[in-house]
PDB file of N, CA and C in Angstrom:
ATOM      1  N   MET A   1    -138.050   8.569  75.308  1.00  0.00           N
ATOM      2  CA  MET A   1    -137.427   8.720  76.596  1.00  0.00           C
ATOM      3  C   MET A   1    -137.951  10.004  77.225  1.00  0.00           C
ATOM      4  N   HIS A   2    -138.343   9.946  78.445  1.00  0.00           N
ATOM      5  CA  HIS A   2    -138.905  11.130  79.070  1.00  0.00           C
ATOM      6  C   HIS A   2    -137.915  11.832  79.990  1.00  0.00           C
ATOM      7  N   ASP A   3    -136.744  11.279  80.184  1.00  0.00           N
ATOM      8  CA  ASP A   3    -135.718  11.957  80.966  1.00  0.00           C
ATOM      9  C   ASP A   3    -135.163  13.119  80.164  1.00  0.00           C
ATOM     10  N   GLU A   4    -134.818  14.185  80.853  1.00  0.00           N
ATOM     11  CA  GLU A   4    -134.262  15.370  80.217  1.00  0.00           C
ATOM     12  C   GLU A   4    -132.756  15.397  80.437  1.00  0.00           C
ATOM     13  N   LEU A   5    -132.033  15.632  79.375  1.00  0.00           N
ATOM     14  CA  LEU A   5    -130.579  15.716  79.422  1.00  0.00           C
ATOM     15  C   LEU A   5    -130.166  16.995  80.135  1.00  0.00           C
ATOM     16  N   GLU A   6    -129.285  16.871  81.140  1.00  0.00           N
ATOM     17  CA  GLU A   6    -128.790  18.037  81.877  1.00  0.00           C
ATOM     18  C   GLU A   6    -127.519  18.552  81.210  1.00  0.00           C
ATOM     19  N   LEU A   7    -127.564  19.788  80.773  1.00  0.00           N
ATOM     20  CA  LEU A   7    -126.418  20.435  80.147  1.00  0.00           C
ATOM     21  C   LEU A   7    -126.063  21.657  80.980  1.00  0.00           C
ATOM     22  N   THR A   8    -124.809  21.755  81.393  1.00  0.00           N
ATOM     23  CA  THR A   8    -124.354  22.864  82.220  1.00  0.00           C
ATOM     24  C   THR A   8    -123.459  23.778  81.403  1.00  0.00           C
ATOM     25  N   PRO A   9    -123.842  25.058  81.263  1.00  0.00           N
ATOM     26  CA  PRO A   9    -122.986  25.973  80.520  1.00  0.00           C
ATOM     27  C   PRO A   9    -121.696  26.261  81.291  1.00  0.00           C
ATOM     28  N   THR A  10    -120.598  26.372  80.563  1.00  0.00           N
ATOM     29  CA  THR A  10    -119.305  26.734  81.144  1.00  0.00           C
ATOM     30  C   THR A  10    -118.711  27.860  80.308  1.00  0.00           C
ATOM     31  N   ALA A  11    -117.585  28.392  80.758  1.00  0.00           N
ATOM     32  CA  ALA A  11    -116.928  29.482  80.024  1.00  0.00           C
ATOM     33  C   ALA A  11    -116.509  29.041  78.626  1.00  0.00           C
ATOM     34  N   SER A  12    -116.180  27.770  78.477  1.00  0.00           N
ATOM     35  CA  SER A  12    -115.682  27.298  77.182  1.00  0.00           C
ATOM     36  C   SER A  12    -116.683  26.441  76.404  1.00  0.00           C
ATOM     37  N   GLY A  13    -117.890  26.257  76.930  1.00  0.00           N
ATOM     38  CA  GLY A  13    -118.859  25.442  76.203  1.00  0.00           C
ATOM     39  C   GLY A  13    -119.924  24.844  77.101  1.00  0.00           C
ATOM     40  N   THR A  14    -119.922  23.509  77.177  1.00  0.00           N
ATOM     41  CA  THR A  14    -120.964  22.778  77.904  1.00  0.00           C
ATOM     42  C   THR A  14    -120.369  21.613  78.676  1.00  0.00           C
ATOM     43  N   ARG A  15    -120.869  21.407  79.874  1.00  0.00           N
ATOM     44  CA  ARG A  15    -120.520  20.226  80.667  1.00  0.00           C
ATOM     45  C   ARG A  15    -121.692  19.262  80.566  1.00  0.00           C
ATOM     46  N   LEU A  16    -121.358  17.991  80.298  1.00  0.00           N
ATOM     47  CA  LEU A  16    -122.355  16.954  80.066  1.00  0.00           C
ATOM     48  C   LEU A  16    -122.003  15.733  80.909  1.00  0.00           C
ATOM     49  N   ARG A  17    -122.992  15.268  81.697  1.00  0.00           N
ATOM     50  CA  ARG A  17    -122.771  14.034  82.469  1.00  0.00           C
ATOM     51  C   ARG A  17    -123.002  12.835  81.566  1.00  0.00           C
ATOM     52  N   LEU A  18    -122.186  11.795  81.768  1.00  0.00           N
ATOM     53  CA  LEU A  18    -122.265  10.582  80.959  1.00  0.00           C
ATOM     54  C   LEU A  18    -122.364   9.360  81.864  1.00  0.00           C
ATOM     55  N   ARG A  19    -123.021   8.344  81.366  1.00  0.00           N
ATOM     56  CA  ARG A  19    -123.015   7.006  81.976  1.00  0.00           C
ATOM     57  C   ARG A  19    -122.536   6.078  80.871  1.00  0.00           C
ATOM     58  N   VAL A  20    -121.388   5.446  81.072  1.00  0.00           N
ATOM     59  CA  VAL A  20    -120.732   4.684  80.012  1.00  0.00           C
ATOM     60  C   VAL A  20    -120.670   3.203  80.355  1.00  0.00           C
ATOM     61  N   LYS A  21    -121.012   2.379  79.371  1.00  0.00           N
ATOM     62  CA  LYS A  21    -120.860   0.926  79.502  1.00  0.00           C
ATOM     63  C   LYS A  21    -119.739   0.495  78.555  1.00  0.00           C
ATOM     64  N   PRO A  22    -118.540   0.237  79.093  1.00  0.00           N
ATOM     65  CA  PRO A  22    -117.441  -0.227  78.238  1.00  0.00           C
ATOM     66  C   PRO A  22    -117.585  -1.711  77.933  1.00  0.00           C
ATOM     67  N   GLY A  23    -116.894  -2.169  76.898  1.00  0.00           N
ATOM     68  CA  GLY A  23    -116.922  -3.579  76.535  1.00  0.00           C
ATOM     69  C   GLY A  23    -118.251  -4.019  75.947  1.00  0.00           C
ATOM     70  N   ALA A  24    -119.008  -3.077  75.397  1.00  0.00           N
ATOM     71  CA  ALA A  24    -120.315  -3.384  74.812  1.00  0.00           C
ATOM     72  C   ALA A  24    -120.145  -4.037  73.446  1.00  0.00           C
ATOM     73  N   ARG A  25    -121.217  -4.567  72.934  1.00  0.00           N
ATOM     74  CA  ARG A  25    -121.195  -5.201  71.622  1.00  0.00           C
ATOM     75  C   ARG A  25    -120.891  -4.188  70.518  1.00  0.00           C
ATOM     76  N   LYS A  26    -121.465  -2.974  70.662  1.00  0.00           N
ATOM     77  CA  LYS A  26    -121.194  -1.926  69.675  1.00  0.00           C
ATOM     78  C   LYS A  26    -121.099  -0.574  70.376  1.00  0.00           C
ATOM     79  N   THR A  27    -120.530   0.389  69.693  1.00  0.00           N
ATOM     80  CA  THR A  27    -120.383   1.738  70.223  1.00  0.00           C
ATOM     81  C   THR A  27    -121.560   2.571  69.748  1.00  0.00           C
ATOM     82  N   ALA A  28    -122.310   3.136  70.707  1.00  0.00           N
ATOM     83  CA  ALA A  28    -123.501   3.904  70.357  1.00  0.00           C
ATOM     84  C   ALA A  28    -124.000   4.706  71.540  1.00  0.00           C
ATOM     85  N   ILE A  29    -124.802   5.727  71.237  1.00  0.00           N
ATOM     86  CA  ILE A  29    -125.566   6.420  72.262  1.00  0.00           C
ATOM     87  C   ILE A  29    -126.816   5.581  72.477  1.00  0.00           C
ATOM     88  N   VAL A  30    -127.104   5.247  73.737  1.00  0.00           N
ATOM     89  CA  VAL A  30    -128.214   4.333  73.986  1.00  0.00           C
ATOM     90  C   VAL A  30    -129.382   4.959  74.741  1.00  0.00           C
ATOM     91  N   GLY A  31    -129.234   6.179  75.226  1.00  0.00           N
ATOM     92  CA  GLY A  31    -130.362   6.799  75.900  1.00  0.00           C
ATOM     93  C   GLY A  31    -129.965   7.921  76.824  1.00  0.00           C
ATOM     94  N   ILE A  32    -130.949   8.324  77.613  1.00  0.00           N
ATOM     95  CA  ILE A  32    -130.763   9.355  78.625  1.00  0.00           C
ATOM     96  C   ILE A  32    -131.370   8.801  79.901  1.00  0.00           C
ATOM     97  N   HIS A  33    -130.639   8.927  80.995  1.00  0.00           N
ATOM     98  CA  HIS A  33    -131.160   8.448  82.273  1.00  0.00           C
ATOM     99  C   HIS A  33    -130.646   9.339  83.390  1.00  0.00           C
ATOM    100  N   GLY A  34    -131.563   9.855  84.175  1.00  0.00           N
ATOM    101  CA  GLY A  34    -131.172  10.683  85.306  1.00  0.00           C
ATOM    102  C   GLY A  34    -130.387  11.920  84.900  1.00  0.00           C
ATOM    103  N   GLY A  35    -130.663  12.447  83.724  1.00  0.00           N
ATOM    104  CA  GLY A  35    -129.986  13.642  83.245  1.00  0.00           C
ATOM    105  C   GLY A  35    -128.668  13.388  82.554  1.00  0.00           C
ATOM    106  N   ALA A  36    -128.206  12.140  82.557  1.00  0.00           N
ATOM    107  CA  ALA A  36    -126.933  11.792  81.930  1.00  0.00           C
ATOM    108  C   ALA A  36    -127.168  11.113  80.584  1.00  0.00           C
ATOM    109  N   LEU A  37    -126.255  11.333  79.652  1.00  0.00           N
ATOM    110  CA  LEU A  37    -126.300  10.668  78.355  1.00  0.00           C
ATOM    111  C   LEU A  37    -125.690   9.282  78.526  1.00  0.00           C
ATOM    112  N   LYS A  38    -126.437   8.243  78.160  1.00  0.00           N
ATOM    113  CA  LYS A  38    -125.951   6.869  78.287  1.00  0.00           C
ATOM    114  C   LYS A  38    -125.270   6.453  76.994  1.00  0.00           C
ATOM    115  N   LEU A  39    -124.038   5.973  77.124  1.00  0.00           N
ATOM    116  CA  LEU A  39    -123.248   5.528  75.987  1.00  0.00           C
ATOM    117  C   LEU A  39    -122.794   4.096  76.206  1.00  0.00           C
ATOM    118  N   ALA A  40    -122.659   3.370  75.111  1.00  0.00           N
ATOM    119  CA  ALA A  40    -122.041   2.042  75.136  1.00  0.00           C
ATOM    120  C   ALA A  40    -120.844   2.129  74.193  1.00  0.00           C
ATOM    121  N   VAL A  41    -119.707   1.629  74.644  1.00  0.00           N
ATOM    122  CA  VAL A  41    -118.525   1.611  73.782  1.00  0.00           C
ATOM    123  C   VAL A  41    -117.958   0.200  73.745  1.00  0.00           C
ATOM    124  N   ALA A  42    -117.530  -0.213  72.568  1.00  0.00           N
ATOM    125  CA  ALA A  42    -116.989  -1.558  72.401  1.00  0.00           C
ATOM    126  C   ALA A  42    -115.607  -1.704  73.035  1.00  0.00           C
ATOM    127  N   ALA A  43    -114.903  -0.604  73.197  1.00  0.00           N
ATOM    128  CA  ALA A  43    -113.549  -0.641  73.752  1.00  0.00           C
ATOM    129  C   ALA A  43    -113.557  -1.117  75.203  1.00  0.00           C
ATOM    130  N   ALA A  44    -112.511  -1.812  75.559  1.00  0.00           N
ATOM    131  CA  ALA A  44    -112.353  -2.298  76.929  1.00  0.00           C
ATOM    132  C   ALA A  44    -111.947  -1.148  77.853  1.00  0.00           C
ATOM    133  N   PRO A  45    -112.305  -1.255  79.135  1.00  0.00           N
ATOM    134  CA  PRO A  45    -111.951  -0.204  80.086  1.00  0.00           C
ATOM    135  C   PRO A  45    -110.513  -0.365  80.603  1.00  0.00           C
ATOM    136  N   GLU A  46    -109.571  -0.304  79.705  1.00  0.00           N
ATOM    137  CA  GLU A  46    -108.169  -0.460  80.104  1.00  0.00           C
ATOM    138  C   GLU A  46    -107.297   0.529  79.342  1.00  0.00           C
ATOM    139  N   LYS A  47    -106.358   1.098  80.034  1.00  0.00           N
ATOM    140  CA  LYS A  47    -105.377   2.012  79.441  1.00  0.00           C
ATOM    141  C   LYS A  47    -106.025   3.159  78.664  1.00  0.00           C
ATOM    142  N   GLY A  48    -107.187   3.626  79.116  1.00  0.00           N
ATOM    143  CA  GLY A  48    -107.843   4.765  78.485  1.00  0.00           C
ATOM    144  C   GLY A  48    -108.567   4.471  77.187  1.00  0.00           C
ATOM    145  N   LYS A  49    -108.642   3.210  76.790  1.00  0.00           N
ATOM    146  CA  LYS A  49    -109.286   2.865  75.513  1.00  0.00           C
ATOM    147  C   LYS A  49    -110.758   3.271  75.486  1.00  0.00           C
ATOM    148  N   ALA A  50    -111.480   2.974  76.551  1.00  0.00           N
ATOM    149  CA  ALA A  50    -112.908   3.313  76.589  1.00  0.00           C
ATOM    150  C   ALA A  50    -113.098   4.828  76.587  1.00  0.00           C
ATOM    151  N   ASN A  51    -112.263   5.556  77.316  1.00  0.00           N
ATOM    152  CA  ASN A  51    -112.378   7.017  77.332  1.00  0.00           C
ATOM    153  C   ASN A  51    -112.124   7.600  75.947  1.00  0.00           C
ATOM    154  N   ARG A  52    -111.139   7.080  75.241  1.00  0.00           N
ATOM    155  CA  ARG A  52    -110.874   7.558  73.879  1.00  0.00           C
ATOM    156  C   ARG A  52    -112.061   7.257  72.959  1.00  0.00           C
ATOM    157  N   ALA A  53    -112.689   6.103  73.149  1.00  0.00           N
ATOM    158  CA  ALA A  53    -113.867   5.756  72.349  1.00  0.00           C
ATOM    159  C   ALA A  53    -115.032   6.703  72.656  1.00  0.00           C
ATOM    160  N   VAL A  54    -115.189   7.077  73.914  1.00  0.00           N
ATOM    161  CA  VAL A  54    -116.237   8.027  74.307  1.00  0.00           C
ATOM    162  C   VAL A  54    -116.003   9.371  73.627  1.00  0.00           C
ATOM    163  N   VAL A  55    -114.771   9.860  73.666  1.00  0.00           N
ATOM    164  CA  VAL A  55    -114.437  11.145  73.043  1.00  0.00           C
ATOM    165  C   VAL A  55    -114.712  11.091  71.540  1.00  0.00           C
ATOM    166  N   LYS A  56    -114.296  10.010  70.890  1.00  0.00           N
ATOM    167  CA  LYS A  56    -114.523   9.881  69.443  1.00  0.00           C
ATOM    168  C   LYS A  56    -116.009   9.839  69.115  1.00  0.00           C
ATOM    169  N   LEU A  57    -116.803   9.101  69.912  1.00  0.00           N
ATOM    170  CA  LEU A  57    -118.238   9.004  69.679  1.00  0.00           C
ATOM    171  C   LEU A  57    -118.912  10.365  69.838  1.00  0.00           C
ATOM    172  N   LEU A  58    -118.600  11.075  70.919  1.00  0.00           N
ATOM    173  CA  LEU A  58    -119.210  12.383  71.139  1.00  0.00           C
ATOM    174  C   LEU A  58    -118.800  13.374  70.053  1.00  0.00           C
ATOM    175  N   ALA A  59    -117.526  13.379  69.698  1.00  0.00           N
ATOM    176  CA  ALA A  59    -117.051  14.298  68.662  1.00  0.00           C
ATOM    177  C   ALA A  59    -117.746  14.022  67.327  1.00  0.00           C
ATOM    178  N   ALA A  60    -117.822  12.762  66.942  1.00  0.00           N
ATOM    179  CA  ALA A  60    -118.469  12.413  65.670  1.00  0.00           C
ATOM    180  C   ALA A  60    -119.947  12.762  65.683  1.00  0.00           C
ATOM    181  N   THR A  61    -120.609  12.493  66.780  1.00  0.00           N
ATOM    182  CA  THR A  61    -122.043  12.769  66.901  1.00  0.00           C
ATOM    183  C   THR A  61    -122.342  14.257  66.816  1.00  0.00           C
ATOM    184  N   LEU A  62    -121.491  15.063  67.461  1.00  0.00           N
ATOM    185  CA  LEU A  62    -121.736  16.502  67.535  1.00  0.00           C
ATOM    186  C   LEU A  62    -121.044  17.296  66.434  1.00  0.00           C
ATOM    187  N   GLY A  63    -120.296  16.610  65.564  1.00  0.00           N
ATOM    188  CA  GLY A  63    -119.609  17.301  64.481  1.00  0.00           C
ATOM    189  C   GLY A  63    -118.447  18.146  64.956  1.00  0.00           C
ATOM    190  N   LEU A  64    -117.768  17.676  65.986  1.00  0.00           N
ATOM    191  CA  LEU A  64    -116.638  18.395  66.571  1.00  0.00           C
ATOM    192  C   LEU A  64    -115.345  17.635  66.335  1.00  0.00           C
ATOM    193  N   PRO A  65    -114.202  18.323  66.354  1.00  0.00           N
ATOM    194  CA  PRO A  65    -112.931  17.601  66.360  1.00  0.00           C
ATOM    195  C   PRO A  65    -112.760  16.955  67.739  1.00  0.00           C
ATOM    196  N   THR A  66    -112.011  15.882  67.814  1.00  0.00           N
ATOM    197  CA  THR A  66    -111.825  15.216  69.110  1.00  0.00           C
ATOM    198  C   THR A  66    -111.169  16.143  70.133  1.00  0.00           C
ATOM    199  N   SER A  67    -110.412  17.127  69.667  1.00  0.00           N
ATOM    200  CA  SER A  67    -109.776  18.071  70.593  1.00  0.00           C
ATOM    201  C   SER A  67    -110.793  18.978  71.284  1.00  0.00           C
ATOM    202  N   ALA A  68    -112.031  19.014  70.799  1.00  0.00           N
ATOM    203  CA  ALA A  68    -113.079  19.853  71.377  1.00  0.00           C
ATOM    204  C   ALA A  68    -113.911  19.097  72.411  1.00  0.00           C
ATOM    205  N   VAL A  69    -113.537  17.853  72.706  1.00  0.00           N
ATOM    206  CA  VAL A  69    -114.240  17.022  73.693  1.00  0.00           C
ATOM    207  C   VAL A  69    -113.211  16.521  74.701  1.00  0.00           C
ATOM    208  N   THR A  70    -113.461  16.779  75.983  1.00  0.00           N
ATOM    209  CA  THR A  70    -112.533  16.373  77.039  1.00  0.00           C
ATOM    210  C   THR A  70    -113.300  15.690  78.164  1.00  0.00           C
ATOM    211  N   ILE A  71    -112.777  14.585  78.641  1.00  0.00           N
ATOM    212  CA  ILE A  71    -113.323  13.955  79.847  1.00  0.00           C
ATOM    213  C   ILE A  71    -112.703  14.704  81.026  1.00  0.00           C
ATOM    214  N   THR A  72    -113.527  15.395  81.817  1.00  0.00           N
ATOM    215  CA  THR A  72    -113.000  16.209  82.910  1.00  0.00           C
ATOM    216  C   THR A  72    -113.041  15.515  84.260  1.00  0.00           C
ATOM    217  N   SER A  73    -113.879  14.505  84.396  1.00  0.00           N
ATOM    218  CA  SER A  73    -113.874  13.724  85.636  1.00  0.00           C
ATOM    219  C   SER A  73    -114.457  12.347  85.368  1.00  0.00           C
ATOM    220  N   GLY A  74    -114.096  11.402  86.240  1.00  0.00           N
ATOM    221  CA  GLY A  74    -114.600  10.043  86.122  1.00  0.00           C
ATOM    222  C   GLY A  74    -113.855   9.184  85.127  1.00  0.00           C
ATOM    223  N   GLU A  75    -112.578   9.475  84.899  1.00  0.00           N
ATOM    224  CA  GLU A  75    -111.829   8.718  83.890  1.00  0.00           C
ATOM    225  C   GLU A  75    -111.780   7.223  84.172  1.00  0.00           C
ATOM    226  N   SER A  76    -111.851   6.821  85.437  1.00  0.00           N
ATOM    227  CA  SER A  76    -111.811   5.394  85.760  1.00  0.00           C
ATOM    228  C   SER A  76    -113.157   4.893  86.275  1.00  0.00           C
ATOM    229  N   SER A  77    -114.217   5.635  85.973  1.00  0.00           N
ATOM    230  CA  SER A  77    -115.561   5.296  86.432  1.00  0.00           C
ATOM    231  C   SER A  77    -116.517   5.214  85.248  1.00  0.00           C
ATOM    232  N   GLN A  78    -117.643   4.550  85.446  1.00  0.00           N
ATOM    233  CA  GLN A  78    -118.680   4.547  84.419  1.00  0.00           C
ATOM    234  C   GLN A  78    -119.402   5.892  84.367  1.00  0.00           C
ATOM    235  N   ASP A  79    -119.398   6.610  85.481  1.00  0.00           N
ATOM    236  CA  ASP A  79    -120.006   7.936  85.538  1.00  0.00           C
ATOM    237  C   ASP A  79    -118.927   8.961  85.254  1.00  0.00           C
ATOM    238  N   LYS A  80    -119.095   9.702  84.175  1.00  0.00           N
ATOM    239  CA  LYS A  80    -118.084  10.649  83.717  1.00  0.00           C
ATOM    240  C   LYS A  80    -118.723  12.011  83.480  1.00  0.00           C
ATOM    241  N   VAL A  81    -117.860  13.015  83.358  1.00  0.00           N
ATOM    242  CA  VAL A  81    -118.295  14.344  82.947  1.00  0.00           C
ATOM    243  C   VAL A  81    -117.413  14.741  81.780  1.00  0.00           C
ATOM    244  N   ALA A  82    -118.065  15.194  80.707  1.00  0.00           N
ATOM    245  CA  ALA A  82    -117.341  15.644  79.519  1.00  0.00           C
ATOM    246  C   ALA A  82    -117.547  17.140  79.349  1.00  0.00           C
ATOM    247  N   GLU A  83    -116.510  17.792  78.871  1.00  0.00           N
ATOM    248  CA  GLU A  83    -116.572  19.212  78.517  1.00  0.00           C
ATOM    249  C   GLU A  83    -116.560  19.288  76.999  1.00  0.00           C
ATOM    250  N   LEU A  84    -117.545  19.988  76.443  1.00  0.00           N
ATOM    251  CA  LEU A  84    -117.699  20.101  74.990  1.00  0.00           C
ATOM    252  C   LEU A  84    -117.519  21.559  74.581  1.00  0.00           C
ATOM    253  N   ALA A  85    -116.786  21.807  73.528  1.00  0.00           N
ATOM    254  CA  ALA A  85    -116.596  23.166  73.019  1.00  0.00           C
ATOM    255  C   ALA A  85    -117.769  23.524  72.110  1.00  0.00           C
ATOM    256  N   LEU A  86    -118.950  23.541  72.708  1.00  0.00           N
ATOM    257  CA  LEU A  86    -120.191  23.806  71.982  1.00  0.00           C
ATOM    258  C   LEU A  86    -121.197  24.337  73.004  1.00  0.00           C
ATOM    259  N   ARG A  87    -121.999  25.299  72.623  1.00  0.00           N
ATOM    260  CA  ARG A  87    -122.990  25.863  73.542  1.00  0.00           C
ATOM    261  C   ARG A  87    -124.069  24.833  73.877  1.00  0.00           C
ATOM    262  N   PRO A  88    -124.652  24.921  75.086  1.00  0.00           N
ATOM    263  CA  PRO A  88    -125.708  23.974  75.460  1.00  0.00           C
ATOM    264  C   PRO A  88    -126.861  23.915  74.460  1.00  0.00           C
ATOM    265  N   ALA A  89    -127.278  25.062  73.946  1.00  0.00           N
ATOM    266  CA  ALA A  89    -128.393  25.068  72.982  1.00  0.00           C
ATOM    267  C   ALA A  89    -128.030  24.287  71.724  1.00  0.00           C
ATOM    268  N   ASP A  90    -126.768  24.386  71.299  1.00  0.00           N
ATOM    269  CA  ASP A  90    -126.334  23.658  70.104  1.00  0.00           C
ATOM    270  C   ASP A  90    -126.266  22.157  70.372  1.00  0.00           C
ATOM    271  N   VAL A  91    -125.774  21.778  71.548  1.00  0.00           N
ATOM    272  CA  VAL A  91    -125.727  20.357  71.917  1.00  0.00           C
ATOM    273  C   VAL A  91    -127.141  19.785  71.933  1.00  0.00           C
ATOM    274  N   ARG A  92    -128.052  20.505  72.569  1.00  0.00           N
ATOM    275  CA  ARG A  92    -129.444  20.040  72.669  1.00  0.00           C
ATOM    276  C   ARG A  92    -130.073  19.929  71.282  1.00  0.00           C
ATOM    277  N   ALA A  93    -129.809  20.901  70.416  1.00  0.00           N
ATOM    278  CA  ALA A  93    -130.377  20.882  69.064  1.00  0.00           C
ATOM    279  C   ALA A  93    -129.850  19.696  68.258  1.00  0.00           C
ATOM    280  N   ILE A  94    -128.558  19.453  68.312  1.00  0.00           N
ATOM    281  CA  ILE A  94    -127.961  18.351  67.545  1.00  0.00           C
ATOM    282  C   ILE A  94    -128.478  17.010  68.055  1.00  0.00           C
ATOM    283  N   LEU A  95    -128.432  16.820  69.369  1.00  0.00           N
ATOM    284  CA  LEU A  95    -128.890  15.548  69.927  1.00  0.00           C
ATOM    285  C   LEU A  95    -130.393  15.374  69.724  1.00  0.00           C
ATOM    286  N   GLY A  96    -131.153  16.458  69.846  1.00  0.00           N
ATOM    287  CA  GLY A  96    -132.598  16.390  69.631  1.00  0.00           C
ATOM    288  C   GLY A  96    -132.946  16.020  68.201  1.00  0.00           C
ATOM    289  N   ALA A  97    -132.208  16.589  67.254  1.00  0.00           N
ATOM    290  CA  ALA A  97    -132.456  16.298  65.844  1.00  0.00           C
ATOM    291  C   ALA A  97    -132.096  14.859  65.494  1.00  0.00           C
ATOM    292  N   ARG A  98    -131.212  14.258  66.283  1.00  0.00           N
ATOM    293  CA  ARG A  98    -130.755  12.898  65.974  1.00  0.00           C
ATOM    294  C   ARG A  98    -131.332  11.847  66.922  1.00  0.00           C
ATOM    295  N   ARG A  99    -132.354  12.191  67.689  1.00  0.00           N
ATOM    296  CA  ARG A  99    -132.938  11.253  68.661  1.00  0.00           C
ATOM    297  C   ARG A  99    -133.290   9.917  68.022  1.00  0.00           C
ATOM    298  N   ALA A 100    -133.886   9.936  66.854  1.00  0.00           N
ATOM    299  CA  ALA A 100    -134.283   8.700  66.183  1.00  0.00           C
ATOM    300  C   ALA A 100    -133.062   7.855  65.820  1.00  0.00           C
ATOM    301  N   ASP A 101    -131.927   8.495  65.501  1.00  0.00           N
ATOM    302  CA  ASP A 101    -130.700   7.761  65.200  1.00  0.00           C
ATOM    303  C   ASP A 101    -130.236   6.939  66.393  1.00  0.00           C
ATOM    304  N   PHE A 102    -130.550   7.423  67.598  1.00  0.00           N
ATOM    305  CA  PHE A 102    -130.093   6.762  68.817  1.00  0.00           C
ATOM    306  C   PHE A 102    -131.144   5.831  69.407  1.00  0.00           C
ATOM    307  N   GLY A 103    -132.273   5.663  68.703  1.00  0.00           N
ATOM    308  CA  GLY A 103    -133.320   4.799  69.207  1.00  0.00           C
ATOM    309  C   GLY A 103    -134.122   5.450  70.310  1.00  0.00           C
ATOM    310  N   LEU A 104    -134.059   6.795  70.403  1.00  0.00           N
ATOM    311  CA  LEU A 104    -134.796   7.515  71.424  1.00  0.00           C
ATOM    312  C   LEU A 104    -136.100   8.017  70.847  1.00  0.00           C
ATOM    313  N   GLN A 105    -137.095   8.202  71.702  1.00  0.00           N
ATOM    314  CA  GLN A 105    -138.393   8.700  71.238  1.00  0.00           C
ATOM    315  C   GLN A 105    -138.553  10.155  71.599  1.00  0.00           C
TER     316      GLN A 105
END
């Protein structure tokens, strides 16, 4: 993938744009597009289920507790912004080291 992930530093960590496909066959990170991390979650987009699945996926991927990942905008949209209690360099390093796990080149 030749798109670059946009990570915005904040006082408490990193802001990350997401593009989420709810109701997918499986839950996974599927790529990077337009600076946003593309995710697919099996959970349906109802009653916050998909948002909870996004938080769990990001937390597990980055080695964080779920309390360290917050959806700050776009709760009812496919385009979301997450706040991570992790520095941008650490997010980039973890995701970069796991690119092959996500099917990214």
